[in-house]
Amino acid sequence: ANRGEIAVRIIRACNEMGIRTVAVYS
């Protein structure tokens, strides 16, 4: 539930942990 660099940072962490991600955007 965010945008910008922190959303990218969290997605990368999830990818490394084998967790699927859902992004929301304006």
mmCIF file of all heavy atoms, coordinates in Angstrom:
data_MODEL
# 
_entry.id   MODEL 
# 
loop_
_atom_site.group_PDB 
_atom_site.id 
_atom_site.type_symbol 
_atom_site.label_atom_id 
_atom_site.label_alt_id 
_atom_site.label_comp_id 
_atom_site.label_asym_id 
_atom_site.label_entity_id 
_atom_site.label_seq_id 
_atom_site.pdbx_PDB_ins_code 
_atom_site.Cartn_x 
_atom_site.Cartn_y 
_atom_site.Cartn_z 
_atom_site.occupancy 
_atom_site.B_iso_or_equiv 
_atom_site.pdbx_formal_charge 
_atom_site.auth_seq_id 
_atom_site.auth_comp_id 
_atom_site.auth_asym_id 
_atom_site.auth_atom_id 
_atom_site.pdbx_PDB_model_num 
ATOM 1   N N   . ALA A 1 1  ? 0.838  -1.199  0.000   1.00 0.00 ? 1  ALA A N   1 
ATOM 2   C CA  . ALA A 1 1  ? 0.000  0.000   0.000   1.00 0.00 ? 1  ALA A CA  1 
ATOM 3   C C   . ALA A 1 1  ? 0.871  1.246   0.000   1.00 0.00 ? 1  ALA A C   1 
ATOM 4   O O   . ALA A 1 1  ? 0.825  2.068   0.922   1.00 0.00 ? 1  ALA A O   1 
ATOM 5   C CB  . ALA A 1 1  ? -0.938 -0.013  1.204   1.00 0.00 ? 1  ALA A CB  1 
ATOM 6   N N   . ASN A 1 2  ? 1.678  1.395   -1.044  1.00 0.00 ? 2  ASN A N   1 
ATOM 7   C CA  . ASN A 1 2  ? 2.577  2.530   -1.136  1.00 0.00 ? 2  ASN A CA  1 
ATOM 8   C C   . ASN A 1 2  ? 3.039  2.691   -2.575  1.00 0.00 ? 2  ASN A C   1 
ATOM 9   O O   . ASN A 1 2  ? 2.568  1.971   -3.462  1.00 0.00 ? 2  ASN A O   1 
ATOM 10  C CB  . ASN A 1 2  ? 3.763  2.368   -0.182  1.00 0.00 ? 2  ASN A CB  1 
ATOM 11  C CG  . ASN A 1 2  ? 4.198  3.692   0.417   1.00 0.00 ? 2  ASN A CG  1 
ATOM 12  O OD1 . ASN A 1 2  ? 4.613  4.602   -0.281  1.00 0.00 ? 2  ASN A OD1 1 
ATOM 13  N ND2 . ASN A 1 2  ? 4.113  3.801   1.748   1.00 0.00 ? 2  ASN A ND2 1 
ATOM 14  N N   . ARG A 1 3  ? 3.952  3.594   -2.795  1.00 0.00 ? 3  ARG A N   1 
ATOM 15  C CA  . ARG A 1 3  ? 4.459  3.904   -4.131  1.00 0.00 ? 3  ARG A CA  1 
ATOM 16  C C   . ARG A 1 3  ? 5.954  4.191   -4.050  1.00 0.00 ? 3  ARG A C   1 
ATOM 17  O O   . ARG A 1 3  ? 6.553  4.131   -2.980  1.00 0.00 ? 3  ARG A O   1 
ATOM 18  C CB  . ARG A 1 3  ? 3.718  5.109   -4.725  1.00 0.00 ? 3  ARG A CB  1 
ATOM 19  C CG  . ARG A 1 3  ? 3.974  6.398   -3.946  1.00 0.00 ? 3  ARG A CG  1 
ATOM 20  C CD  . ARG A 1 3  ? 3.322  7.632   -4.566  1.00 0.00 ? 3  ARG A CD  1 
ATOM 21  N NE  . ARG A 1 3  ? 3.767  7.855   -5.931  1.00 0.00 ? 3  ARG A NE  1 
ATOM 22  C CZ  . ARG A 1 3  ? 4.894  8.485   -6.267  1.00 0.00 ? 3  ARG A CZ  1 
ATOM 23  N NH1 . ARG A 1 3  ? 5.711  8.948   -5.323  1.00 0.00 ? 3  ARG A NH1 1 
ATOM 24  N NH2 . ARG A 1 3  ? 5.214  8.654   -7.535  1.00 0.00 ? 3  ARG A NH2 1 
ATOM 25  N N   . GLY A 1 4  ? 6.554  4.533   -5.182  1.00 0.00 ? 4  GLY A N   1 
ATOM 26  C CA  . GLY A 1 4  ? 7.928  5.003   -5.200  1.00 0.00 ? 4  GLY A CA  1 
ATOM 27  C C   . GLY A 1 4  ? 8.947  3.965   -4.783  1.00 0.00 ? 4  GLY A C   1 
ATOM 28  O O   . GLY A 1 4  ? 8.721  2.755   -4.870  1.00 0.00 ? 4  GLY A O   1 
ATOM 29  N N   . GLU A 1 5  ? 10.078 4.468   -4.281  1.00 0.00 ? 5  GLU A N   1 
ATOM 30  C CA  . GLU A 1 5  ? 11.199 3.579   -3.997  1.00 0.00 ? 5  GLU A CA  1 
ATOM 31  C C   . GLU A 1 5  ? 10.893 2.564   -2.910  1.00 0.00 ? 5  GLU A C   1 
ATOM 32  O O   . GLU A 1 5  ? 11.404 1.438   -2.951  1.00 0.00 ? 5  GLU A O   1 
ATOM 33  C CB  . GLU A 1 5  ? 12.459 4.383   -3.643  1.00 0.00 ? 5  GLU A CB  1 
ATOM 34  C CG  . GLU A 1 5  ? 12.423 5.163   -2.341  1.00 0.00 ? 5  GLU A CG  1 
ATOM 35  C CD  . GLU A 1 5  ? 12.831 4.338   -1.135  1.00 0.00 ? 5  GLU A CD  1 
ATOM 36  O OE1 . GLU A 1 5  ? 13.439 3.274   -1.291  1.00 0.00 ? 5  GLU A OE1 1 
ATOM 37  O OE2 . GLU A 1 5  ? 12.506 4.765   -0.016  1.00 0.00 ? 5  GLU A OE2 1 
ATOM 38  N N   . ILE A 1 6  ? 10.066 2.912   -1.928  1.00 0.00 ? 6  ILE A N   1 
ATOM 39  C CA  . ILE A 1 6  ? 9.803  1.958   -0.847  1.00 0.00 ? 6  ILE A CA  1 
ATOM 40  C C   . ILE A 1 6  ? 8.927  0.809   -1.334  1.00 0.00 ? 6  ILE A C   1 
ATOM 41  O O   . ILE A 1 6  ? 9.085  -0.331  -0.891  1.00 0.00 ? 6  ILE A O   1 
ATOM 42  C CB  . ILE A 1 6  ? 9.196  2.658   0.390   1.00 0.00 ? 6  ILE A CB  1 
ATOM 43  C CG1 . ILE A 1 6  ? 9.233  1.719   1.606   1.00 0.00 ? 6  ILE A CG1 1 
ATOM 44  C CG2 . ILE A 1 6  ? 7.782  3.145   0.114   1.00 0.00 ? 6  ILE A CG2 1 
ATOM 45  C CD1 . ILE A 1 6  ? 10.624 1.222   1.961   1.00 0.00 ? 6  ILE A CD1 1 
ATOM 46  N N   . ALA A 1 7  ? 8.014  1.084   -2.263  1.00 0.00 ? 7  ALA A N   1 
ATOM 47  C CA  . ALA A 1 7  ? 7.215  0.000   -2.838  1.00 0.00 ? 7  ALA A CA  1 
ATOM 48  C C   . ALA A 1 7  ? 8.109  -0.959  -3.611  1.00 0.00 ? 7  ALA A C   1 
ATOM 49  O O   . ALA A 1 7  ? 7.970  -2.190  -3.519  1.00 0.00 ? 7  ALA A O   1 
ATOM 50  C CB  . ALA A 1 7  ? 6.127  0.567   -3.752  1.00 0.00 ? 7  ALA A CB  1 
ATOM 51  N N   . VAL A 1 8  ? 9.078  -0.412  -4.358  1.00 0.00 ? 8  VAL A N   1 
ATOM 52  C CA  . VAL A 1 8  ? 10.029 -1.243  -5.095  1.00 0.00 ? 8  VAL A CA  1 
ATOM 53  C C   . VAL A 1 8  ? 10.873 -2.067  -4.136  1.00 0.00 ? 8  VAL A C   1 
ATOM 54  O O   . VAL A 1 8  ? 11.110 -3.262  -4.342  1.00 0.00 ? 8  VAL A O   1 
ATOM 55  C CB  . VAL A 1 8  ? 10.934 -0.360  -5.992  1.00 0.00 ? 8  VAL A CB  1 
ATOM 56  C CG1 . VAL A 1 8  ? 12.063 -1.187  -6.604  1.00 0.00 ? 8  VAL A CG1 1 
ATOM 57  C CG2 . VAL A 1 8  ? 10.107 0.298   -7.083  1.00 0.00 ? 8  VAL A CG2 1 
ATOM 58  N N   . ARG A 1 9  ? 11.327 -1.437  -3.055  1.00 0.00 ? 9  ARG A N   1 
ATOM 59  C CA  . ARG A 1 9  ? 12.153 -2.139  -2.042  1.00 0.00 ? 9  ARG A CA  1 
ATOM 60  C C   . ARG A 1 9  ? 11.399 -3.327  -1.445  1.00 0.00 ? 9  ARG A C   1 
ATOM 61  O O   . ARG A 1 9  ? 11.959 -4.422  -1.288  1.00 0.00 ? 9  ARG A O   1 
ATOM 62  C CB  . ARG A 1 9  ? 12.542 -1.143  -0.947  1.00 0.00 ? 9  ARG A CB  1 
ATOM 63  C CG  . ARG A 1 9  ? 13.197 -1.767  0.293   1.00 0.00 ? 9  ARG A CG  1 
ATOM 64  C CD  . ARG A 1 9  ? 14.605 -2.239  0.004   1.00 0.00 ? 9  ARG A CD  1 
ATOM 65  N NE  . ARG A 1 9  ? 15.229 -2.798  1.185   1.00 0.00 ? 9  ARG A NE  1 
ATOM 66  C CZ  . ARG A 1 9  ? 15.211 -4.082  1.527   1.00 0.00 ? 9  ARG A CZ  1 
ATOM 67  N NH1 . ARG A 1 9  ? 14.572 -4.956  0.752   1.00 0.00 ? 9  ARG A NH1 1 
ATOM 68  N NH2 . ARG A 1 9  ? 15.821 -4.512  2.611   1.00 0.00 ? 9  ARG A NH2 1 
ATOM 69  N N   . ILE A 1 10 ? 10.141 -3.141  -1.121  1.00 0.00 ? 10 ILE A N   1 
ATOM 70  C CA  . ILE A 1 10 ? 9.348  -4.209  -0.509  1.00 0.00 ? 10 ILE A CA  1 
ATOM 71  C C   . ILE A 1 10 ? 9.081  -5.323  -1.514  1.00 0.00 ? 10 ILE A C   1 
ATOM 72  O O   . ILE A 1 10 ? 9.150  -6.512  -1.172  1.00 0.00 ? 10 ILE A O   1 
ATOM 73  C CB  . ILE A 1 10 ? 8.034  -3.637  0.055   1.00 0.00 ? 10 ILE A CB  1 
ATOM 74  C CG1 . ILE A 1 10 ? 8.324  -2.637  1.187   1.00 0.00 ? 10 ILE A CG1 1 
ATOM 75  C CG2 . ILE A 1 10 ? 7.128  -4.762  0.573   1.00 0.00 ? 10 ILE A CG2 1 
ATOM 76  C CD1 . ILE A 1 10 ? 7.138  -1.769  1.566   1.00 0.00 ? 10 ILE A CD1 1 
ATOM 77  N N   . ILE A 1 11 ? 8.791  -4.961  -2.753  1.00 0.00 ? 11 ILE A N   1 
ATOM 78  C CA  . ILE A 1 11 ? 8.546  -5.971  -3.794  1.00 0.00 ? 11 ILE A CA  1 
ATOM 79  C C   . ILE A 1 11 ? 9.786  -6.836  -3.986  1.00 0.00 ? 11 ILE A C   1 
ATOM 80  O O   . ILE A 1 11 ? 9.689  -8.067  -4.104  1.00 0.00 ? 11 ILE A O   1 
ATOM 81  C CB  . ILE A 1 11 ? 8.128  -5.295  -5.117  1.00 0.00 ? 11 ILE A CB  1 
ATOM 82  C CG1 . ILE A 1 11 ? 6.719  -4.709  -4.984  1.00 0.00 ? 11 ILE A CG1 1 
ATOM 83  C CG2 . ILE A 1 11 ? 8.174  -6.294  -6.277  1.00 0.00 ? 11 ILE A CG2 1 
ATOM 84  C CD1 . ILE A 1 11 ? 6.313  -3.812  -6.141  1.00 0.00 ? 11 ILE A CD1 1 
ATOM 85  N N   . ARG A 1 12 ? 10.963 -6.217  -3.991  1.00 0.00 ? 12 ARG A N   1 
ATOM 86  C CA  . ARG A 1 12 ? 12.196 -6.994  -4.149  1.00 0.00 ? 12 ARG A CA  1 
ATOM 87  C C   . ARG A 1 12 ? 12.400 -7.960  -2.992  1.00 0.00 ? 12 ARG A C   1 
ATOM 88  O O   . ARG A 1 12 ? 12.814 -9.110  -3.186  1.00 0.00 ? 12 ARG A O   1 
ATOM 89  C CB  . ARG A 1 12 ? 13.392 -6.041  -4.274  1.00 0.00 ? 12 ARG A CB  1 
ATOM 90  C CG  . ARG A 1 12 ? 13.450 -5.343  -5.632  1.00 0.00 ? 12 ARG A CG  1 
ATOM 91  C CD  . ARG A 1 12 ? 14.541 -4.298  -5.682  1.00 0.00 ? 12 ARG A CD  1 
ATOM 92  N NE  . ARG A 1 12 ? 14.658 -3.741  -7.034  1.00 0.00 ? 12 ARG A NE  1 
ATOM 93  C CZ  . ARG A 1 12 ? 15.162 -2.545  -7.306  1.00 0.00 ? 12 ARG A CZ  1 
ATOM 94  N NH1 . ARG A 1 12 ? 15.592 -1.775  -6.324  1.00 0.00 ? 12 ARG A NH1 1 
ATOM 95  N NH2 . ARG A 1 12 ? 15.242 -2.115  -8.547  1.00 0.00 ? 12 ARG A NH2 1 
ATOM 96  N N   . ALA A 1 13 ? 12.107 -7.507  -1.772  1.00 0.00 ? 13 ALA A N   1 
ATOM 97  C CA  . ALA A 1 13 ? 12.239 -8.394  -0.614  1.00 0.00 ? 13 ALA A CA  1 
ATOM 98  C C   . ALA A 1 13 ? 11.272 -9.571  -0.732  1.00 0.00 ? 13 ALA A C   1 
ATOM 99  O O   . ALA A 1 13 ? 11.643 -10.722 -0.457  1.00 0.00 ? 13 ALA A O   1 
ATOM 100 C CB  . ALA A 1 13 ? 11.970 -7.612  0.675   1.00 0.00 ? 13 ALA A CB  1 
ATOM 101 N N   . CYS A 1 14 ? 10.054 -9.282  -1.146  1.00 0.00 ? 14 CYS A N   1 
ATOM 102 C CA  . CYS A 1 14 ? 9.054  -10.346 -1.307  1.00 0.00 ? 14 CYS A CA  1 
ATOM 103 C C   . CYS A 1 14 ? 9.473  -11.343 -2.390  1.00 0.00 ? 14 CYS A C   1 
ATOM 104 O O   . CYS A 1 14 ? 9.308  -12.559 -2.224  1.00 0.00 ? 14 CYS A O   1 
ATOM 105 C CB  . CYS A 1 14 ? 7.694  -9.752  -1.646  1.00 0.00 ? 14 CYS A CB  1 
ATOM 106 S SG  . CYS A 1 14 ? 6.894  -8.884  -0.264  1.00 0.00 ? 14 CYS A SG  1 
ATOM 107 N N   . ASN A 1 15 ? 10.004 -10.836 -3.498  1.00 0.00 ? 15 ASN A N   1 
ATOM 108 C CA  . ASN A 1 15 ? 10.461 -11.719 -4.568  1.00 0.00 ? 15 ASN A CA  1 
ATOM 109 C C   . ASN A 1 15 ? 11.527 -12.691 -4.062  1.00 0.00 ? 15 ASN A C   1 
ATOM 110 O O   . ASN A 1 15 ? 11.511 -13.884 -4.379  1.00 0.00 ? 15 ASN A O   1 
ATOM 111 C CB  . ASN A 1 15 ? 11.021 -10.902 -5.736  1.00 0.00 ? 15 ASN A CB  1 
ATOM 112 C CG  . ASN A 1 15 ? 9.939  -10.200 -6.533  1.00 0.00 ? 15 ASN A CG  1 
ATOM 113 O OD1 . ASN A 1 15 ? 8.763  -10.552 -6.448  1.00 0.00 ? 15 ASN A OD1 1 
ATOM 114 N ND2 . ASN A 1 15 ? 10.322 -9.203  -7.312  1.00 0.00 ? 15 ASN A ND2 1 
ATOM 115 N N   . GLU A 1 16 ? 12.449 -12.181 -3.247  1.00 0.00 ? 16 GLU A N   1 
ATOM 116 C CA  . GLU A 1 16 ? 13.513 -13.031 -2.709  1.00 0.00 ? 16 GLU A CA  1 
ATOM 117 C C   . GLU A 1 16 ? 12.973 -14.050 -1.708  1.00 0.00 ? 16 GLU A C   1 
ATOM 118 O O   . GLU A 1 16 ? 13.591 -15.097 -1.495  1.00 0.00 ? 16 GLU A O   1 
ATOM 119 C CB  . GLU A 1 16 ? 14.579 -12.156 -2.051  1.00 0.00 ? 16 GLU A CB  1 
ATOM 120 C CG  . GLU A 1 16 ? 15.361 -11.294 -3.038  1.00 0.00 ? 16 GLU A CG  1 
ATOM 121 C CD  . GLU A 1 16 ? 16.350 -10.375 -2.347  1.00 0.00 ? 16 GLU A CD  1 
ATOM 122 O OE1 . GLU A 1 16 ? 16.690 -10.644 -1.170  1.00 0.00 ? 16 GLU A OE1 1 
ATOM 123 O OE2 . GLU A 1 16 ? 16.783 -9.387  -2.972  1.00 0.00 ? 16 GLU A OE2 1 
ATOM 124 N N   . MET A 1 17 ? 11.831 -13.737 -1.101  1.00 0.00 ? 17 MET A N   1 
ATOM 125 C CA  . MET A 1 17 ? 11.230 -14.643 -0.118  1.00 0.00 ? 17 MET A CA  1 
ATOM 126 C C   . MET A 1 17 ? 10.198 -15.584 -0.742  1.00 0.00 ? 17 MET A C   1 
ATOM 127 O O   . MET A 1 17 ? 9.598  -16.401 -0.048  1.00 0.00 ? 17 MET A O   1 
ATOM 128 C CB  . MET A 1 17 ? 10.565 -13.816 0.991   1.00 0.00 ? 17 MET A CB  1 
ATOM 129 C CG  . MET A 1 17 ? 11.528 -12.936 1.778   1.00 0.00 ? 17 MET A CG  1 
ATOM 130 S SD  . MET A 1 17 ? 10.679 -11.811 2.921   1.00 0.00 ? 17 MET A SD  1 
ATOM 131 C CE  . MET A 1 17 ? 10.180 -12.955 4.210   1.00 0.00 ? 17 MET A CE  1 
ATOM 132 N N   . GLY A 1 18 ? 9.979  -15.452 -2.061  1.00 0.00 ? 18 GLY A N   1 
ATOM 133 C CA  . GLY A 1 18 ? 9.003  -16.302 -2.735  1.00 0.00 ? 18 GLY A CA  1 
ATOM 134 C C   . GLY A 1 18 ? 7.562  -15.918 -2.467  1.00 0.00 ? 18 GLY A C   1 
ATOM 135 O O   . GLY A 1 18 ? 6.651  -16.745 -2.544  1.00 0.00 ? 18 GLY A O   1 
ATOM 136 N N   . ILE A 1 19 ? 7.335  -14.633 -2.172  1.00 0.00 ? 19 ILE A N   1 
ATOM 137 C CA  . ILE A 1 19 ? 5.994  -14.127 -1.881  1.00 0.00 ? 19 ILE A CA  1 
ATOM 138 C C   . ILE A 1 19 ? 5.484  -13.337 -3.083  1.00 0.00 ? 19 ILE A C   1 
ATOM 139 O O   . ILE A 1 19 ? 6.181  -12.450 -3.591  1.00 0.00 ? 19 ILE A O   1 
ATOM 140 C CB  . ILE A 1 19 ? 6.007  -13.218 -0.631  1.00 0.00 ? 19 ILE A CB  1 
ATOM 141 C CG1 . ILE A 1 19 ? 6.524  -13.992 0.587   1.00 0.00 ? 19 ILE A CG1 1 
ATOM 142 C CG2 . ILE A 1 19 ? 4.613  -12.654 -0.359  1.00 0.00 ? 19 ILE A CG2 1 
ATOM 143 C CD1 . ILE A 1 19 ? 6.781  -13.112 1.800   1.00 0.00 ? 19 ILE A CD1 1 
ATOM 144 N N   . ARG A 1 20 ? 4.290  -13.623 -3.544  1.00 0.00 ? 20 ARG A N   1 
ATOM 145 C CA  . ARG A 1 20 ? 3.688  -12.876 -4.641  1.00 0.00 ? 20 ARG A CA  1 
ATOM 146 C C   . ARG A 1 20 ? 3.246  -11.503 -4.150  1.00 0.00 ? 20 ARG A C   1 
ATOM 147 O O   . ARG A 1 20 ? 2.876  -11.346 -2.972  1.00 0.00 ? 20 ARG A O   1 
ATOM 148 C CB  . ARG A 1 20 ? 2.493  -13.637 -5.238  1.00 0.00 ? 20 ARG A CB  1 
ATOM 149 C CG  . ARG A 1 20 ? 2.914  -14.907 -5.991  1.00 0.00 ? 20 ARG A CG  1 
ATOM 150 C CD  . ARG A 1 20 ? 1.712  -15.596 -6.603  1.00 0.00 ? 20 ARG A CD  1 
ATOM 151 N NE  . ARG A 1 20 ? 1.035  -14.777 -7.598  1.00 0.00 ? 20 ARG A NE  1 
ATOM 152 C CZ  . ARG A 1 20 ? 1.434  -14.604 -8.860  1.00 0.00 ? 20 ARG A CZ  1 
ATOM 153 N NH1 . ARG A 1 20 ? 2.534  -15.197 -9.285  1.00 0.00 ? 20 ARG A NH1 1 
ATOM 154 N NH2 . ARG A 1 20 ? 0.750  -13.846 -9.699  1.00 0.00 ? 20 ARG A NH2 1 
ATOM 155 N N   . THR A 1 21 ? 3.286  -10.528 -5.043  1.00 0.00 ? 21 THR A N   1 
ATOM 156 C CA  . THR A 1 21 ? 2.988  -9.156  -4.646  1.00 0.00 ? 21 THR A CA  1 
ATOM 157 C C   . THR A 1 21 ? 1.868  -8.550  -5.482  1.00 0.00 ? 21 THR A C   1 
ATOM 158 O O   . THR A 1 21 ? 1.728  -8.850  -6.672  1.00 0.00 ? 21 THR A O   1 
ATOM 159 C CB  . THR A 1 21 ? 4.238  -8.270  -4.772  1.00 0.00 ? 21 THR A CB  1 
ATOM 160 O OG1 . THR A 1 21 ? 4.760  -8.374  -6.106  1.00 0.00 ? 21 THR A OG1 1 
ATOM 161 C CG2 . THR A 1 21 ? 5.296  -8.693  -3.779  1.00 0.00 ? 21 THR A CG2 1 
ATOM 162 N N   . VAL A 1 22 ? 1.116  -7.677  -4.833  1.00 0.00 ? 22 VAL A N   1 
ATOM 163 C CA  . VAL A 1 22 ? 0.061  -6.915  -5.490  1.00 0.00 ? 22 VAL A CA  1 
ATOM 164 C C   . VAL A 1 22 ? 0.353  -5.438  -5.271  1.00 0.00 ? 22 VAL A C   1 
ATOM 165 O O   . VAL A 1 22 ? 0.526  -4.988  -4.129  1.00 0.00 ? 22 VAL A O   1 
ATOM 166 C CB  . VAL A 1 22 ? -1.330 -7.267  -4.922  1.00 0.00 ? 22 VAL A CB  1 
ATOM 167 C CG1 . VAL A 1 22 ? -2.407 -6.367  -5.544  1.00 0.00 ? 22 VAL A CG1 1 
ATOM 168 C CG2 . VAL A 1 22 ? -1.653 -8.734  -5.165  1.00 0.00 ? 22 VAL A CG2 1 
ATOM 169 N N   . ALA A 1 23 ? 0.438  -4.674  -6.356  1.00 0.00 ? 23 ALA A N   1 
ATOM 170 C CA  . ALA A 1 23 ? 0.672  -3.238  -6.270  1.00 0.00 ? 23 ALA A CA  1 
ATOM 171 C C   . ALA A 1 23 ? -0.629 -2.492  -6.514  1.00 0.00 ? 23 ALA A C   1 
ATOM 172 O O   . ALA A 1 23 ? -1.493 -2.949  -7.275  1.00 0.00 ? 23 ALA A O   1 
ATOM 173 C CB  . ALA A 1 23 ? 1.711  -2.800  -7.291  1.00 0.00 ? 23 ALA A CB  1 
ATOM 174 N N   . VAL A 1 24 ? -0.770 -1.356  -5.843  1.00 0.00 ? 24 VAL A N   1 
ATOM 175 C CA  . VAL A 1 24 ? -1.873 -0.441  -6.133  1.00 0.00 ? 24 VAL A CA  1 
ATOM 176 C C   . VAL A 1 24 ? -1.253 0.866   -6.615  1.00 0.00 ? 24 VAL A C   1 
ATOM 177 O O   . VAL A 1 24 ? -0.132 1.213   -6.240  1.00 0.00 ? 24 VAL A O   1 
ATOM 178 C CB  . VAL A 1 24 ? -2.770 -0.201  -4.904  1.00 0.00 ? 24 VAL A CB  1 
ATOM 179 C CG1 . VAL A 1 24 ? -3.529 -1.469  -4.538  1.00 0.00 ? 24 VAL A CG1 1 
ATOM 180 C CG2 . VAL A 1 24 ? -1.953 0.281   -3.702  1.00 0.00 ? 24 VAL A CG2 1 
ATOM 181 N N   . TYR A 1 25 ? -1.977 1.581   -7.466  1.00 0.00 ? 25 TYR A N   1 
ATOM 182 C CA  . TYR A 1 25 ? -1.403 2.802   -8.014  1.00 0.00 ? 25 TYR A CA  1 
ATOM 183 C C   . TYR A 1 25 ? -2.492 3.788   -8.386  1.00 0.00 ? 25 TYR A C   1 
ATOM 184 O O   . TYR A 1 25 ? -3.651 3.423   -8.605  1.00 0.00 ? 25 TYR A O   1 
ATOM 185 C CB  . TYR A 1 25 ? -0.531 2.488   -9.234  1.00 0.00 ? 25 TYR A CB  1 
ATOM 186 C CG  . TYR A 1 25 ? -1.259 1.876   -10.421 1.00 0.00 ? 25 TYR A CG  1 
ATOM 187 C CD1 . TYR A 1 25 ? -1.728 2.677   -11.467 1.00 0.00 ? 25 TYR A CD1 1 
ATOM 188 C CD2 . TYR A 1 25 ? -1.488 0.503   -10.500 1.00 0.00 ? 25 TYR A CD2 1 
ATOM 189 C CE1 . TYR A 1 25 ? -2.390 2.131   -12.555 1.00 0.00 ? 25 TYR A CE1 1 
ATOM 190 C CE2 . TYR A 1 25 ? -2.140 -0.056  -11.578 1.00 0.00 ? 25 TYR A CE2 1 
ATOM 191 C CZ  . TYR A 1 25 ? -2.586 0.754   -12.612 1.00 0.00 ? 25 TYR A CZ  1 
ATOM 192 O OH  . TYR A 1 25 ? -3.246 0.207   -13.688 1.00 0.00 ? 25 TYR A OH  1 
ATOM 193 N N   . SER A 1 26 ? -2.097 5.062   -8.457  1.00 0.00 ? 26 SER A N   1 
ATOM 194 C CA  . SER A 1 26 ? -2.997 6.118   -8.906  1.00 0.00 ? 26 SER A CA  1 
ATOM 195 C C   . SER A 1 26 ? -2.896 6.252   -10.422 1.00 0.00 ? 26 SER A C   1 
ATOM 196 O O   . SER A 1 26 ? -1.983 5.710   -11.049 1.00 0.00 ? 26 SER A O   1 
ATOM 197 C CB  . SER A 1 26 ? -2.610 7.444   -8.247  1.00 0.00 ? 26 SER A CB  1 
ATOM 198 O OG  . SER A 1 26 ? -1.377 7.907   -8.781  1.00 0.00 ? 26 SER A OG  1 
# 
